Amino acid sequence: MKKAGDRLTKTLNKTDIEKAIKSGEKAVKEWENQLLPQQLLFYSAKQDGGNGVN
């Protein structure tokens, strides 16, 4: 009896996966360039000294 992922595993190779990752990385970078800094997932704000934080 074949498992559901057997066919997928046989058709994917390392090059395909690397291409997909690079393509995804490029798409994310292009998308992030359109966002304001405050909209980014990892936004870093300068400390203002308020609330006991220096």
PDB file of N, CA and C in Angstrom:
ATOM      1  N   MET A   1       0.841  -1.181   0.000  1.00  0.00           N
ATOM      2  CA  MET A   1       0.000   0.000   0.000  1.00  0.00           C
ATOM      3  C   MET A   1       0.888   1.247   0.000  1.00  0.00           C
ATOM      4  N   LYS A   2       0.616   2.158  -0.921  1.00  0.00           N
ATOM      5  CA  LYS A   2       1.408   3.380  -1.022  1.00  0.00           C
ATOM      6  C   LYS A   2       0.904   4.429  -0.039  1.00  0.00           C
ATOM      7  N   LYS A   3       1.836   5.187   0.487  1.00  0.00           N
ATOM      8  CA  LYS A   3       1.487   6.296   1.375  1.00  0.00           C
ATOM      9  C   LYS A   3       1.178   7.523   0.531  1.00  0.00           C
ATOM     10  N   ALA A   4       0.439   8.450   1.107  1.00  0.00           N
ATOM     11  CA  ALA A   4       0.020   9.645   0.375  1.00  0.00           C
ATOM     12  C   ALA A   4       1.199  10.478  -0.116  1.00  0.00           C
ATOM     13  N   GLY A   5       2.287  10.552   0.635  1.00  0.00           N
ATOM     14  CA  GLY A   5       3.413  11.396   0.255  1.00  0.00           C
ATOM     15  C   GLY A   5       4.456  10.723  -0.614  1.00  0.00           C
ATOM     16  N   ASP A   6       4.289   9.437  -0.926  1.00  0.00           N
ATOM     17  CA  ASP A   6       5.295   8.718  -1.712  1.00  0.00           C
ATOM     18  C   ASP A   6       5.530   9.354  -3.079  1.00  0.00           C
ATOM     19  N   ARG A   7       4.478   9.665  -3.774  1.00  0.00           N
ATOM     20  CA  ARG A   7       4.617  10.233  -5.113  1.00  0.00           C
ATOM     21  C   ARG A   7       5.260  11.617  -5.053  1.00  0.00           C
ATOM     22  N   LEU A   8       4.853  12.414  -4.081  1.00  0.00           N
ATOM     23  CA  LEU A   8       5.412  13.750  -3.926  1.00  0.00           C
ATOM     24  C   LEU A   8       6.904  13.683  -3.633  1.00  0.00           C
ATOM     25  N   THR A   9       7.301  12.808  -2.759  1.00  0.00           N
ATOM     26  CA  THR A   9       8.707  12.654  -2.397  1.00  0.00           C
ATOM     27  C   THR A   9       9.543  12.238  -3.600  1.00  0.00           C
ATOM     28  N   LYS A  10       9.002  11.415  -4.450  1.00  0.00           N
ATOM     29  CA  LYS A  10       9.738  10.940  -5.618  1.00  0.00           C
ATOM     30  C   LYS A  10       9.865  12.019  -6.689  1.00  0.00           C
ATOM     31  N   THR A  11       8.929  12.954  -6.756  1.00  0.00           N
ATOM     32  CA  THR A  11       8.965  13.962  -7.812  1.00  0.00           C
ATOM     33  C   THR A  11       9.730  15.213  -7.410  1.00  0.00           C
ATOM     34  N   LEU A  12       9.878  15.490  -6.130  1.00  0.00           N
ATOM     35  CA  LEU A  12      10.641  16.653  -5.683  1.00  0.00           C
ATOM     36  C   LEU A  12      12.108  16.293  -5.527  1.00  0.00           C
ATOM     37  N   ASN A  13      12.952  17.224  -5.897  1.00  0.00           N
ATOM     38  CA  ASN A  13      14.376  17.015  -5.655  1.00  0.00           C
ATOM     39  C   ASN A  13      14.946  18.258  -4.972  1.00  0.00           C
ATOM     40  N   LYS A  14      16.184  18.183  -4.575  1.00  0.00           N
ATOM     41  CA  LYS A  14      16.812  19.271  -3.825  1.00  0.00           C
ATOM     42  C   LYS A  14      16.790  20.583  -4.611  1.00  0.00           C
ATOM     43  N   THR A  15      17.039  20.525  -5.904  1.00  0.00           N
ATOM     44  CA  THR A  15      17.057  21.727  -6.735  1.00  0.00           C
ATOM     45  C   THR A  15      15.692  22.403  -6.756  1.00  0.00           C
ATOM     46  N   ASP A  16      14.624  21.611  -6.871  1.00  0.00           N
ATOM     47  CA  ASP A  16      13.272  22.170  -6.868  1.00  0.00           C
ATOM     48  C   ASP A  16      12.993  22.910  -5.566  1.00  0.00           C
ATOM     49  N   ILE A  17      13.386  22.319  -4.467  1.00  0.00           N
ATOM     50  CA  ILE A  17      13.143  22.924  -3.159  1.00  0.00           C
ATOM     51  C   ILE A  17      13.959  24.203  -3.006  1.00  0.00           C
ATOM     52  N   GLU A  18      15.221  24.180  -3.427  1.00  0.00           N
ATOM     53  CA  GLU A  18      16.062  25.374  -3.347  1.00  0.00           C
ATOM     54  C   GLU A  18      15.492  26.505  -4.196  1.00  0.00           C
ATOM     55  N   LYS A  19      15.011  26.183  -5.390  1.00  0.00           N
ATOM     56  CA  LYS A  19      14.405  27.193  -6.261  1.00  0.00           C
ATOM     57  C   LYS A  19      13.164  27.789  -5.612  1.00  0.00           C
ATOM     58  N   ALA A  20      12.345  26.953  -4.997  1.00  0.00           N
ATOM     59  CA  ALA A  20      11.126  27.429  -4.348  1.00  0.00           C
ATOM     60  C   ALA A  20      11.452  28.351  -3.178  1.00  0.00           C
ATOM     61  N   ILE A  21      12.453  28.001  -2.397  1.00  0.00           N
ATOM     62  CA  ILE A  21      12.847  28.835  -1.256  1.00  0.00           C
ATOM     63  C   ILE A  21      13.375  30.180  -1.737  1.00  0.00           C
ATOM     64  N   LYS A  22      14.241  30.173  -2.750  1.00  0.00           N
ATOM     65  CA  LYS A  22      14.794  31.422  -3.283  1.00  0.00           C
ATOM     66  C   LYS A  22      13.699  32.299  -3.878  1.00  0.00           C
ATOM     67  N   SER A  23      12.761  31.685  -4.568  1.00  0.00           N
ATOM     68  CA  SER A  23      11.653  32.430  -5.153  1.00  0.00           C
ATOM     69  C   SER A  23      10.784  33.057  -4.064  1.00  0.00           C
ATOM     70  N   GLY A  24      10.516  32.296  -3.024  1.00  0.00           N
ATOM     71  CA  GLY A  24       9.737  32.817  -1.900  1.00  0.00           C
ATOM     72  C   GLY A  24      10.450  33.944  -1.194  1.00  0.00           C
ATOM     73  N   GLU A  25      11.752  33.806  -1.006  1.00  0.00           N
ATOM     74  CA  GLU A  25      12.549  34.854  -0.353  1.00  0.00           C
ATOM     75  C   GLU A  25      12.507  36.146  -1.174  1.00  0.00           C
ATOM     76  N   LYS A  26      12.628  36.016  -2.481  1.00  0.00           N
ATOM     77  CA  LYS A  26      12.588  37.184  -3.360  1.00  0.00           C
ATOM     78  C   LYS A  26      11.221  37.867  -3.287  1.00  0.00           C
ATOM     79  N   ALA A  27      10.160  37.081  -3.288  1.00  0.00           N
ATOM     80  CA  ALA A  27       8.807  37.636  -3.221  1.00  0.00           C
ATOM     81  C   ALA A  27       8.581  38.377  -1.904  1.00  0.00           C
ATOM     82  N   VAL A  28       9.074  37.824  -0.807  1.00  0.00           N
ATOM     83  CA  VAL A  28       8.914  38.470   0.500  1.00  0.00           C
ATOM     84  C   VAL A  28       9.676  39.786   0.534  1.00  0.00           C
ATOM     85  N   LYS A  29      10.892  39.803   0.016  1.00  0.00           N
ATOM     86  CA  LYS A  29      11.688  41.037   0.010  1.00  0.00           C
ATOM     87  C   LYS A  29      11.002  42.123  -0.811  1.00  0.00           C
ATOM     88  N   GLU A  30      10.456  41.756  -1.962  1.00  0.00           N
ATOM     89  CA  GLU A  30       9.743  42.727  -2.794  1.00  0.00           C
ATOM     90  C   GLU A  30       8.512  43.258  -2.066  1.00  0.00           C
ATOM     91  N   TRP A  31       7.795  42.383  -1.384  1.00  0.00           N
ATOM     92  CA  TRP A  31       6.599  42.770  -0.638  1.00  0.00           C
ATOM     93  C   TRP A  31       6.969  43.679   0.529  1.00  0.00           C
ATOM     94  N   GLU A  32       8.037  43.328   1.269  1.00  0.00           N
ATOM     95  CA  GLU A  32       8.461  44.137   2.413  1.00  0.00           C
ATOM     96  C   GLU A  32       8.896  45.532   1.990  1.00  0.00           C
ATOM     97  N   ASN A  33       9.448  45.680   0.803  1.00  0.00           N
ATOM     98  CA  ASN A  33       9.873  46.997   0.320  1.00  0.00           C
ATOM     99  C   ASN A  33       8.696  47.940   0.125  1.00  0.00           C
ATOM    100  N   GLN A  34       7.492  47.412   0.018  1.00  0.00           N
ATOM    101  CA  GLN A  34       6.297  48.228  -0.164  1.00  0.00           C
ATOM    102  C   GLN A  34       5.669  48.641   1.167  1.00  0.00           C
ATOM    103  N   LEU A  35       6.135  48.064   2.266  1.00  0.00           N
ATOM    104  CA  LEU A  35       5.545  48.325   3.574  1.00  0.00           C
ATOM    105  C   LEU A  35       6.277  49.430   4.315  1.00  0.00           C
ATOM    106  N   LEU A  36       5.554  50.088   5.210  1.00  0.00           N
ATOM    107  CA  LEU A  36       6.177  51.028   6.132  1.00  0.00           C
ATOM    108  C   LEU A  36       6.963  50.234   7.167  1.00  0.00           C
ATOM    109  N   PRO A  37       7.998  50.818   7.748  1.00  0.00           N
ATOM    110  CA  PRO A  37       8.782  50.084   8.756  1.00  0.00           C
ATOM    111  C   PRO A  37       7.926  49.529   9.896  1.00  0.00           C
ATOM    112  N   GLN A  38       6.887  50.260  10.304  1.00  0.00           N
ATOM    113  CA  GLN A  38       6.027  49.812  11.392  1.00  0.00           C
ATOM    114  C   GLN A  38       5.195  48.592  11.021  1.00  0.00           C
ATOM    115  N   GLN A  39       5.054  48.318   9.746  1.00  0.00           N
ATOM    116  CA  GLN A  39       4.243  47.193   9.291  1.00  0.00           C
ATOM    117  C   GLN A  39       5.044  45.898   9.152  1.00  0.00           C
ATOM    118  N   LEU A  40       6.356  45.989   9.288  1.00  0.00           N
ATOM    119  CA  LEU A  40       7.189  44.802   9.147  1.00  0.00           C
ATOM    120  C   LEU A  40       7.011  43.879  10.336  1.00  0.00           C
ATOM    121  N   LEU A  41       7.215  42.608  10.140  1.00  0.00           N
ATOM    122  CA  LEU A  41       7.069  41.625  11.204  1.00  0.00           C
ATOM    123  C   LEU A  41       8.047  41.890  12.340  1.00  0.00           C
ATOM    124  N   PHE A  42       9.281  42.244  12.001  1.00  0.00           N
ATOM    125  CA  PHE A  42      10.301  42.515  13.010  1.00  0.00           C
ATOM    126  C   PHE A  42      10.661  43.990  12.958  1.00  0.00           C
ATOM    127  N   TYR A  43       9.811  44.817  13.541  1.00  0.00           N
ATOM    128  CA  TYR A  43      10.009  46.262  13.570  1.00  0.00           C
ATOM    129  C   TYR A  43      10.809  46.631  14.802  1.00  0.00           C
ATOM    130  N   SER A  44      11.825  47.448  14.630  1.00  0.00           N
ATOM    131  CA  SER A  44      12.662  47.870  15.751  1.00  0.00           C
ATOM    132  C   SER A  44      12.495  49.369  15.950  1.00  0.00           C
ATOM    133  N   ALA A  45      11.972  49.745  17.099  1.00  0.00           N
ATOM    134  CA  ALA A  45      11.792  51.158  17.425  1.00  0.00           C
ATOM    135  C   ALA A  45      12.889  51.593  18.387  1.00  0.00           C
ATOM    136  N   LYS A  46      13.311  52.855  18.254  1.00  0.00           N
ATOM    137  CA  LYS A  46      14.312  53.387  19.169  1.00  0.00           C
ATOM    138  C   LYS A  46      13.707  53.507  20.560  1.00  0.00           C
ATOM    139  N   GLN A  47      14.510  53.243  21.572  1.00  0.00           N
ATOM    140  CA  GLN A  47      14.042  53.368  22.948  1.00  0.00           C
ATOM    141  C   GLN A  47      13.851  54.844  23.268  1.00  0.00           C
ATOM    142  N   ASP A  48      12.751  55.156  23.944  1.00  0.00           N
ATOM    143  CA  ASP A  48      12.449  56.550  24.245  1.00  0.00           C
ATOM    144  C   ASP A  48      12.606  56.899  25.721  1.00  0.00           C
ATOM    145  N   GLY A  49      12.951  55.949  26.538  1.00  0.00           N
ATOM    146  CA  GLY A  49      13.127  56.204  27.963  1.00  0.00           C
ATOM    147  C   GLY A  49      11.827  56.229  28.744  1.00  0.00           C
ATOM    148  N   GLY A  50      10.708  56.049  28.078  1.00  0.00           N
ATOM    149  CA  GLY A  50       9.417  56.036  28.765  1.00  0.00           C
ATOM    150  C   GLY A  50       9.167  54.713  29.460  1.00  0.00           C
ATOM    151  N   ASN A  51       8.317  54.718  30.443  1.00  0.00           N
ATOM    152  CA  ASN A  51       7.931  53.515  31.185  1.00  0.00           C
ATOM    153  C   ASN A  51       9.128  52.783  31.792  1.00  0.00           C
ATOM    154  N   GLY A  52      10.138  53.541  32.205  1.00  0.00           N
ATOM    155  CA  GLY A  52      11.294  52.926  32.847  1.00  0.00           C
ATOM    156  C   GLY A  52      12.226  52.201  31.905  1.00  0.00           C
ATOM    157  N   VAL A  53      12.057  52.383  30.603  1.00  0.00           N
ATOM    158  CA  VAL A  53      12.922  51.726  29.616  1.00  0.00           C
ATOM    159  C   VAL A  53      13.903  52.750  29.073  1.00  0.00           C
ATOM    160  N   ASN A  54      15.171  52.438  29.112  1.00  0.00           N
ATOM    161  CA  ASN A  54      16.188  53.367  28.588  1.00  0.00           C
ATOM    162  C   ASN A  54      16.607  52.991  27.192  1.00  0.00           C
TER     163      ASN A  54
END
